[in-house]
Protein backbone atom coordinates (compact mmCIF):
# COMPACT_ATOMS: atom_id res chain seq x y z
CA MET A 1 94.56 24.41 47.90
CA TYR A 2 93.96 24.22 44.17
CA PHE A 3 91.96 27.42 43.84
CA ASN A 4 90.75 30.47 45.71
CA SER A 5 88.18 33.19 45.12
CA ASN A 6 90.38 34.80 42.46
CA THR A 7 91.27 31.67 40.47
CA VAL A 8 90.15 31.55 36.84
CA ALA A 9 89.32 28.30 35.03
CA PHE A 10 88.27 27.59 31.45
CA LEU A 11 84.92 25.85 31.04
CA ASP A 12 83.21 25.17 27.72
CA GLY A 13 84.46 28.18 25.82
CA GLU A 14 84.55 30.70 28.66
CA PHE A 15 86.97 31.85 31.33
CA VAL A 16 85.08 31.67 34.63
CA GLN A 17 85.76 31.93 38.35
CA ALA A 18 86.81 28.46 39.42
CA SER A 19 84.59 28.69 42.49
CA GLU A 20 81.58 29.15 40.21
CA ALA A 21 82.28 26.29 37.76
CA THR A 22 79.65 23.58 38.06
CA CYS A 23 78.75 20.13 36.74
CA GLY A 24 75.33 18.51 36.98
CA VAL A 25 74.82 15.58 39.35
CA TYR A 26 73.41 13.45 36.52
CA ALA A 27 76.46 13.92 34.29
CA GLN A 28 77.51 10.66 32.66
CA SER A 29 81.16 11.19 33.61
CA LEU A 30 80.35 11.68 37.28
CA HIS A 31 78.61 8.31 37.49
CA TYR A 32 80.98 6.19 35.40
CA GLY A 33 84.42 7.84 35.47
CA TYR A 34 83.93 8.43 31.76
CA ALA A 35 86.40 11.26 31.17
CA VAL A 36 89.96 11.77 29.95
CA PHE A 37 92.59 14.23 31.10
CA GLU A 38 96.19 15.38 30.85
CA GLY A 39 98.75 16.54 33.37
CA ILE A 40 101.01 19.25 31.92
CA ARG A 41 103.61 21.57 33.43
CA ALA A 42 104.66 25.09 32.55
CA TYR A 43 108.06 26.33 33.67
CA ASN A 44 109.52 29.79 34.11
CA THR A 45 112.38 29.90 31.58
CA PRO A 46 114.65 32.65 30.24
CA GLN A 47 112.10 33.00 27.43
CA GLY A 48 109.20 33.39 29.87
CA SER A 49 106.64 30.82 30.90
CA GLN A 50 106.88 27.79 28.60
CA ILE A 51 104.60 24.77 28.55
CA PHE A 52 106.72 21.66 28.25
CA LYS A 53 105.76 19.51 25.26
CA ALA A 54 102.29 20.98 24.92
CA ARG A 55 101.79 19.40 21.49
CA GLU A 56 102.59 15.89 22.74
CA HIS A 57 100.21 16.28 25.67
CA TYR A 58 97.34 17.62 23.61
CA GLU A 59 97.84 15.06 20.87
CA ARG A 60 97.54 12.39 23.57
CA LEU A 61 94.40 14.09 24.87
CA HIS A 62 92.89 13.78 21.39
CA TYR A 63 93.97 10.13 21.22
CA SER A 64 92.39 9.42 24.61
CA CYS A 65 89.12 11.07 23.54
CA LYS A 66 89.01 8.99 20.38
CA ALA A 67 89.82 5.79 22.29
CA VAL A 68 86.77 6.16 24.56
CA GLY A 69 84.42 7.98 22.18
CA LEU A 70 84.42 11.45 23.74
CA PRO A 71 84.10 14.31 21.22
CA LEU A 72 86.70 17.08 21.53
CA GLU A 73 86.07 20.18 19.41
CA TYR A 74 89.31 22.03 20.20
CA SER A 75 92.45 21.60 18.10
CA VAL A 76 95.91 21.09 19.61
CA GLU A 77 96.73 24.70 18.73
CA GLU A 78 93.55 26.02 20.36
CA LEU A 79 94.16 23.99 23.52
CA THR A 80 97.70 25.31 23.73
CA GLN A 81 96.51 28.90 23.29
CA ILE A 82 93.89 28.47 26.02
CA SER A 83 96.58 27.08 28.33
CA TYR A 84 98.78 30.15 27.94
CA GLN A 85 95.80 32.46 28.38
CA LEU A 86 94.83 30.66 31.56
CA LEU A 87 98.35 30.95 32.96
CA GLU A 88 98.35 34.67 32.23
CA LYS A 89 94.90 35.25 33.76
CA ASN A 90 96.05 33.52 36.96
CA GLY A 91 99.43 35.25 37.06
CA LEU A 92 101.31 31.94 36.99
CA THR A 93 104.59 31.00 35.30
CA ASP A 94 105.54 27.73 37.04
CA ALA A 95 102.31 25.78 37.15
CA TYR A 96 100.52 22.49 36.64
CA ILE A 97 97.84 22.43 33.94
CA ARG A 98 94.90 20.03 34.08
CA PRO A 99 92.66 19.78 30.98
CA LEU A 100 89.70 17.44 31.48
CA VAL A 101 87.30 16.31 28.76
CA TYR A 102 84.07 14.89 30.16
CA ALA A 103 80.42 14.23 29.35
CA ALA A 104 78.19 16.67 31.25
CA THR A 105 74.92 15.59 29.64
CA PRO A 106 72.54 13.81 32.04
CA ASN A 107 72.87 10.24 30.82
CA MET A 108 72.73 6.95 32.73
CA SER A 109 73.21 4.78 29.63
CA LEU A 110 76.42 2.94 28.79
CA LYS A 111 76.92 4.58 25.41
CA HIS A 112 79.47 6.92 23.86
CA ALA A 113 78.78 10.57 24.52
CA THR A 114 77.35 12.65 21.69
CA SER A 115 79.13 15.77 22.93
CA GLY A 116 82.15 16.54 25.08
CA ASN A 117 82.82 19.27 27.63
CA LEU A 118 86.19 20.85 28.35
CA LEU A 119 87.42 22.05 31.73
CA MET A 120 90.95 23.42 32.11
CA ALA A 121 92.47 24.42 35.44
CA VAL A 122 95.92 25.58 36.55
CA TRP A 123 97.59 25.72 39.93
CA GLU A 124 101.00 25.84 41.58
CA TRP A 125 102.04 22.31 42.49
CA GLY A 126 105.33 21.01 43.80
CA LYS A 127 106.70 17.60 42.90
CA TYR A 128 103.84 15.16 43.46
CA LEU A 129 105.98 12.53 45.21
CA GLY A 130 108.30 15.00 46.95
CA ASP A 131 112.09 15.17 46.81
CA GLN A 132 113.13 12.26 49.04
CA SER A 133 113.89 8.83 47.57
CA LEU A 134 110.89 6.53 47.82
CA ARG A 135 110.28 3.26 49.61
CA LEU A 136 108.14 1.22 47.23
CA THR A 137 106.23 -2.00 47.75
CA ILE A 138 104.90 -4.47 45.21
CA SER A 139 101.15 -3.93 45.20
CA PRO A 140 98.65 -6.77 45.56
CA TYR A 141 96.68 -4.94 42.87
CA GLU A 142 97.60 -5.31 39.19
CA ARG A 143 97.52 -2.81 36.37
CA PRO A 144 94.35 -3.22 34.28
CA ASN A 145 94.46 -5.77 31.51
CA PRO A 146 95.09 -3.93 28.20
CA LYS A 147 92.49 -6.19 26.57
CA ALA A 148 89.88 -4.79 28.95
CA VAL A 149 90.54 -1.05 28.60
CA PRO A 150 92.67 1.19 26.34
CA ILE A 151 95.71 1.47 28.61
CA GLU A 152 97.48 4.04 26.41
CA ALA A 153 94.57 6.45 26.93
CA LYS A 154 94.68 8.66 30.02
CA VAL A 155 91.19 7.84 31.25
CA ALA A 156 89.91 9.18 34.54
CA GLY A 157 88.33 5.85 35.51
CA HIS A 158 91.67 4.05 35.24
CA TYR A 159 92.90 6.02 38.23
CA VAL A 160 90.56 4.26 40.63
CA ASN A 161 93.10 1.43 40.31
CA SER A 162 95.84 3.95 41.14
CA ILE A 163 94.03 5.34 44.18
CA ILE A 164 93.44 1.86 45.60
CA ALA A 165 97.02 0.68 45.03
CA SER A 166 98.63 3.87 46.37
CA SER A 167 96.40 4.00 49.45
CA GLU A 168 97.04 0.33 50.24
CA ALA A 169 100.82 0.83 50.02
CA LYS A 170 100.76 3.91 52.24
CA GLY A 171 98.55 2.08 54.71
CA ARG A 172 101.39 -0.43 55.12
CA GLY A 173 103.92 2.33 55.75
CA TYR A 174 105.45 2.67 52.28
CA ASP A 175 105.72 5.83 50.19
CA GLU A 176 104.18 4.41 47.03
CA ALA A 177 103.12 1.24 45.23
CA LEU A 178 104.72 -0.57 42.33
CA LEU A 179 102.19 -2.51 40.26
CA LEU A 180 102.71 -5.65 38.21
CA ASP A 181 100.81 -6.57 35.06
CA MET A 182 98.57 -9.63 34.69
CA ASN A 183 101.62 -11.75 33.75
CA GLY A 184 103.64 -10.84 36.84
CA PHE A 185 105.96 -8.35 35.13
CA VAL A 186 106.73 -4.98 36.70
CA ALA A 187 104.54 -2.33 35.06
CA GLU A 188 104.58 1.08 36.77
CA GLY A 189 103.55 3.08 39.79
CA PRO A 190 100.04 4.46 40.33
CA GLY A 191 101.00 7.69 38.56
CA ALA A 192 104.59 7.32 37.39
CA ASN A 193 106.78 5.08 35.25
CA PHE A 194 109.61 3.02 36.77
CA PHE A 195 113.26 2.63 35.72
CA PHE A 196 116.13 0.69 37.28
CA GLU A 197 119.89 0.78 36.72
CA LYS A 198 122.10 -2.29 36.38
CA ASP A 199 125.63 -2.58 34.96
CA GLY A 200 125.57 1.03 33.73
CA GLU A 201 122.38 0.52 31.73
CA LEU A 202 118.74 1.40 32.29
CA TYR A 203 115.65 -0.80 32.09
CA THR A 204 111.99 0.14 31.95
CA ALA A 205 108.76 -1.64 31.08
CA PRO A 206 107.69 -1.60 27.41
CA ALA A 207 104.30 -0.71 25.97
CA GLY A 208 101.60 -3.11 27.01
CA SER A 209 100.31 -2.53 30.53
CA ILE A 210 101.76 0.94 31.06
CA LEU A 211 100.96 4.48 30.08
CA ARG A 212 104.02 5.50 28.11
CA GLY A 213 104.49 8.80 29.88
CA ILE A 214 105.77 11.88 28.11
CA THR A 215 108.32 12.36 30.90
CA ARG A 216 109.32 8.69 30.49
CA ASN A 217 109.89 9.18 26.78
CA THR A 218 111.88 12.37 27.39
CA ILE A 219 114.13 10.60 29.89
CA ILE A 220 114.77 7.79 27.40
CA ASP A 221 115.72 10.38 24.76
CA LEU A 222 118.01 12.23 27.18
CA ALA A 223 119.67 8.98 28.27
CA ARG A 224 120.35 7.83 24.73
CA GLU A 225 121.62 11.26 23.79
CA ALA A 226 124.10 10.91 26.69
CA GLY A 227 125.21 7.48 25.46
CA ILE A 228 123.31 5.50 28.10
CA THR A 229 121.72 2.27 26.88
CA VAL A 230 118.02 1.96 27.71
CA TYR A 231 116.17 -1.34 27.36
CA GLU A 232 112.39 -1.38 27.11
CA LYS A 233 111.64 -4.94 28.15
CA PHE A 234 109.49 -7.05 30.43
CA PHE A 235 111.06 -7.95 33.77
CA THR A 236 109.94 -9.52 37.03
CA PRO A 237 110.58 -8.17 40.54
CA THR A 238 113.27 -10.86 40.94
CA GLU A 239 115.28 -9.20 38.16
CA LEU A 240 115.68 -6.11 40.33
CA GLN A 241 118.27 -8.08 42.32
CA GLY A 242 121.68 -6.62 41.48
CA ALA A 243 120.27 -3.26 40.44
CA VAL A 244 122.22 -0.36 41.96
CA GLY A 245 119.52 2.28 41.65
CA ALA A 246 116.02 3.10 40.47
CA PHE A 247 113.76 6.06 39.85
CA MET A 248 110.27 7.04 38.76
CA THR A 249 109.13 9.59 36.21
CA GLY A 250 105.95 11.54 35.52
CA THR A 251 104.83 15.06 34.73
CA ALA A 252 103.55 15.61 38.27
CA ALA A 253 106.42 13.71 39.94
CA GLU A 254 109.11 14.80 37.44
CA VAL A 255 112.09 12.51 38.28
CA ILE A 256 112.26 11.01 41.77
CA GLY A 257 114.73 8.49 43.20
CA VAL A 258 113.73 5.10 44.60
CA LEU A 259 115.45 3.90 47.78
CA SER A 260 113.99 0.41 47.92
CA VAL A 261 111.36 -2.05 46.73
CA ASP A 262 110.11 -4.04 49.71
CA GLU A 263 113.21 -5.59 51.37
CA LEU A 264 115.50 -4.80 48.41
CA VAL A 265 117.52 -1.66 49.13
CA PHE A 266 119.39 -0.31 46.12
CA GLU A 267 123.16 -0.14 46.48
CA LYS A 268 123.80 3.47 45.51
CA PRO A 269 122.29 6.62 46.99
CA PHE A 270 120.21 8.30 44.33
CA ALA A 271 122.69 11.19 43.97
CA GLU A 272 125.28 8.74 42.59
CA THR A 273 123.03 7.05 40.02
CA LEU A 274 122.28 7.56 36.34
CA GLY A 275 118.81 8.61 37.43
CA ALA A 276 120.22 11.63 39.26
CA GLN A 277 122.24 12.63 36.20
CA LEU A 278 119.11 12.42 34.07
CA ALA A 279 117.05 14.29 36.65
CA LYS A 280 119.50 17.18 36.34
CA ARG A 281 119.38 17.09 32.54
CA TYR A 282 115.59 16.96 32.65
CA HIS A 283 115.42 19.97 34.97
CA ASP A 284 117.79 21.89 32.71
CA LEU A 285 115.69 20.98 29.68
CA VAL A 286 112.31 22.01 31.07
CA THR A 287 113.65 25.25 32.55
CA GLY A 288 115.38 26.27 29.33
CA VAL A 289 118.98 25.79 30.46
CA LEU A 290 119.47 22.78 28.17
CA THR A 291 118.02 23.35 24.71
CA PRO A 292 118.85 20.43 22.41
CA ALA A 293 116.72 19.39 19.45
CA LEU A 294 114.82 17.21 21.91
CA SER A 295 112.94 20.23 23.21
CA SER A 296 110.97 20.54 19.96
CA LYS A 297 110.17 16.85 19.53
């Protein structure tokens, strides 16, 4: 349950009861998936509730708005302040934050919006993909072509692709999908980036057909800080042969181990992999136990 009768949301400049927030049925975003959003986490740290990398998330929200032509009147600083106020009003310290910028104006035309609306909600949410290592399958659906849509923007409509791929994989008995790009290279999961370990080094897909997640980037920084080589390169599913481990990353999922991809079962249990080491460092970072210079990047 994301909200109850006491939950407060932020909608167009006001804090309102979430149960009373509304959107018109002729809203342009409702009909065309024309909206952008972020997924952000706050953690209870020794310094109190802290939003992890708020600036990076809200800078990306601004980028996404610009990429699809949605006006956003709030600055990064204002969005961050609203986030903390919303956490306080809901009595939350560990929480997931969902800002959504959409076009509420009744409009059936295929044109950029002339104004944007802001909804922000918060709720308690455990790890999106759970704690058990995942059984993945290569999806028959591809990631969208980056020449068709701005892949680096976190656009609501892009996630129809994610819903279809994830549902298809689960319908075949797997935990999650792994999508390829239009050239047959491994891209990412429906809502998380993918890494694999081979010969003591890590590999992950480069920019192109992926959303370069903020958690992904943090893991790369933590790995390199620990002396682990990370390659951002294109690779096919065949190149997973010989890999000893794999994991996925995302704000909602955090860091989760991968047991297998179709018939390929990785050699090491997740607890013995570089991914597990980095998952621990990531947890320590977001909860304030580990405080390197990375935390302010």
